[in-house]
């Protein structure tokens, strides 16, 4: 039972890392898109 809980905790940590990477990638992509759009306007 305890081993099962530990495995679930590891999976949860991996999921948090995956979400964090996805969020950082989306933020970087949005930032690049805004920078490109502003350079096109001028």
N, C-alpha and C. Protein backbone atom coordinates (compact mmCIF):
# COMPACT_ATOMS: atom_id res chain seq x y z
N UNK A 1 0.84 -1.20 0.00
CA UNK A 1 0.00 0.00 0.00
C UNK A 1 0.88 1.26 0.00
N UNK A 2 1.91 1.21 0.84
CA UNK A 2 2.80 2.36 0.93
C UNK A 2 3.60 2.55 -0.37
N UNK A 3 3.99 1.41 -0.96
CA UNK A 3 4.74 1.46 -2.21
C UNK A 3 3.88 2.04 -3.34
N UNK A 4 2.59 1.68 -3.31
CA UNK A 4 1.66 2.17 -4.32
C UNK A 4 1.50 3.69 -4.22
N UNK A 5 1.45 4.18 -2.97
CA UNK A 5 1.32 5.61 -2.75
C UNK A 5 2.55 6.37 -3.23
N UNK A 6 3.71 5.76 -3.05
CA UNK A 6 4.95 6.40 -3.48
C UNK A 6 5.00 6.51 -5.01
N UNK A 7 4.54 5.47 -5.67
CA UNK A 7 4.53 5.47 -7.13
C UNK A 7 3.58 6.56 -7.65
N UNK A 8 2.46 6.72 -6.99
CA UNK A 8 1.50 7.75 -7.37
C UNK A 8 2.11 9.13 -7.20
N UNK A 9 2.91 9.29 -6.16
CA UNK A 9 3.56 10.57 -5.89
C UNK A 9 4.58 10.90 -6.98
N UNK A 10 5.32 9.89 -7.43
CA UNK A 10 6.29 10.08 -8.50
C UNK A 10 5.60 10.46 -9.81
N UNK A 11 4.45 9.82 -10.06
CA UNK A 11 3.69 10.12 -11.26
C UNK A 11 3.16 11.55 -11.21
N UNK A 12 2.73 11.98 -10.03
CA UNK A 12 2.21 13.33 -9.85
C UNK A 12 3.31 14.36 -10.08
N UNK A 13 4.52 14.07 -9.61
CA UNK A 13 5.65 14.98 -9.80
C UNK A 13 6.00 15.09 -11.27
N UNK A 14 5.97 13.97 -11.97
CA UNK A 14 6.25 13.95 -13.41
C UNK A 14 5.20 14.75 -14.16
N UNK A 15 3.95 14.64 -13.74
CA UNK A 15 2.85 15.38 -14.36
C UNK A 15 3.03 16.88 -14.16
N UNK A 16 3.44 17.29 -12.95
CA UNK A 16 3.67 18.70 -12.66
C UNK A 16 4.79 19.25 -13.53
N UNK A 17 5.85 18.45 -13.72
CA UNK A 17 6.97 18.87 -14.57
C UNK A 17 6.51 19.05 -16.01
N UNK A 18 5.67 18.13 -16.47
CA UNK A 18 5.15 18.17 -17.84
C UNK A 18 4.30 19.42 -18.05
N UNK A 19 3.44 19.73 -17.08
CA UNK A 19 2.58 20.92 -17.16
C UNK A 19 3.43 22.19 -17.14
N UNK A 20 4.45 22.20 -16.30
CA UNK A 20 5.32 23.36 -16.18
C UNK A 20 6.07 23.61 -17.49
N UNK A 21 6.56 22.55 -18.12
CA UNK A 21 7.26 22.67 -19.40
C UNK A 21 6.30 23.17 -20.49
N UNK A 22 5.08 22.65 -20.49
CA UNK A 22 4.09 23.07 -21.48
C UNK A 22 3.73 24.54 -21.31
N UNK A 23 3.59 24.97 -20.04
CA UNK A 23 3.26 26.35 -19.75
C UNK A 23 4.38 27.28 -20.18
N UNK A 24 5.62 26.90 -19.90
CA UNK A 24 6.78 27.72 -20.27
C UNK A 24 6.90 27.81 -21.79
N UNK A 25 6.66 26.70 -22.49
CA UNK A 25 6.72 26.68 -23.95
C UNK A 25 5.65 27.58 -24.56
N UNK A 26 4.43 27.51 -24.00
CA UNK A 26 3.32 28.32 -24.50
C UNK A 26 3.59 29.80 -24.26
N UNK A 27 4.15 30.12 -23.09
CA UNK A 27 4.47 31.51 -22.76
C UNK A 27 5.54 32.06 -23.70
N UNK A 28 6.57 31.26 -23.97
CA UNK A 28 7.65 31.67 -24.87
C UNK A 28 7.13 31.86 -26.29
N UNK A 29 6.24 30.96 -26.73
CA UNK A 29 5.66 31.03 -28.07
C UNK A 29 4.80 32.29 -28.22
N UNK A 30 4.00 32.59 -27.19
CA UNK A 30 3.14 33.78 -27.22
C UNK A 30 3.99 35.04 -27.24
N UNK A 31 5.08 35.05 -26.47
CA UNK A 31 5.97 36.20 -26.41
C UNK A 31 6.62 36.44 -27.77
N UNK A 32 7.03 35.36 -28.44
CA UNK A 32 7.64 35.46 -29.77
C UNK A 32 6.62 35.97 -30.78
N UNK A 33 5.38 35.51 -30.66
CA UNK A 33 4.32 35.91 -31.58
C UNK A 33 4.02 37.41 -31.44
N UNK A 34 3.96 37.90 -30.21
CA UNK A 34 3.72 39.32 -29.95
C UNK A 34 4.88 40.16 -30.49
N UNK A 35 6.10 39.71 -30.28
CA UNK A 35 7.28 40.44 -30.76
C UNK A 35 7.28 40.51 -32.29
N UNK A 36 6.92 39.41 -32.93
CA UNK A 36 6.85 39.36 -34.39
C UNK A 36 5.75 40.28 -34.92
N UNK A 37 4.59 40.27 -34.25
CA UNK A 37 3.46 41.10 -34.65
C UNK A 37 3.79 42.59 -34.53
N UNK A 38 4.49 42.96 -33.45
CA UNK A 38 4.86 44.36 -33.24
C UNK A 38 5.88 44.81 -34.28
N UNK A 39 6.80 43.93 -34.65
CA UNK A 39 7.82 44.29 -35.64
C UNK A 39 7.18 44.42 -37.03
N UNK A 40 6.12 43.68 -37.29
CA UNK A 40 5.42 43.75 -38.57
C UNK A 40 4.58 45.03 -38.68
N UNK A 41 4.08 45.52 -37.55
CA UNK A 41 3.25 46.73 -37.54
C UNK A 41 4.06 47.97 -37.86
N UNK A 42 5.28 48.05 -37.37
CA UNK A 42 6.08 49.26 -37.55
C UNK A 42 6.57 49.44 -38.98
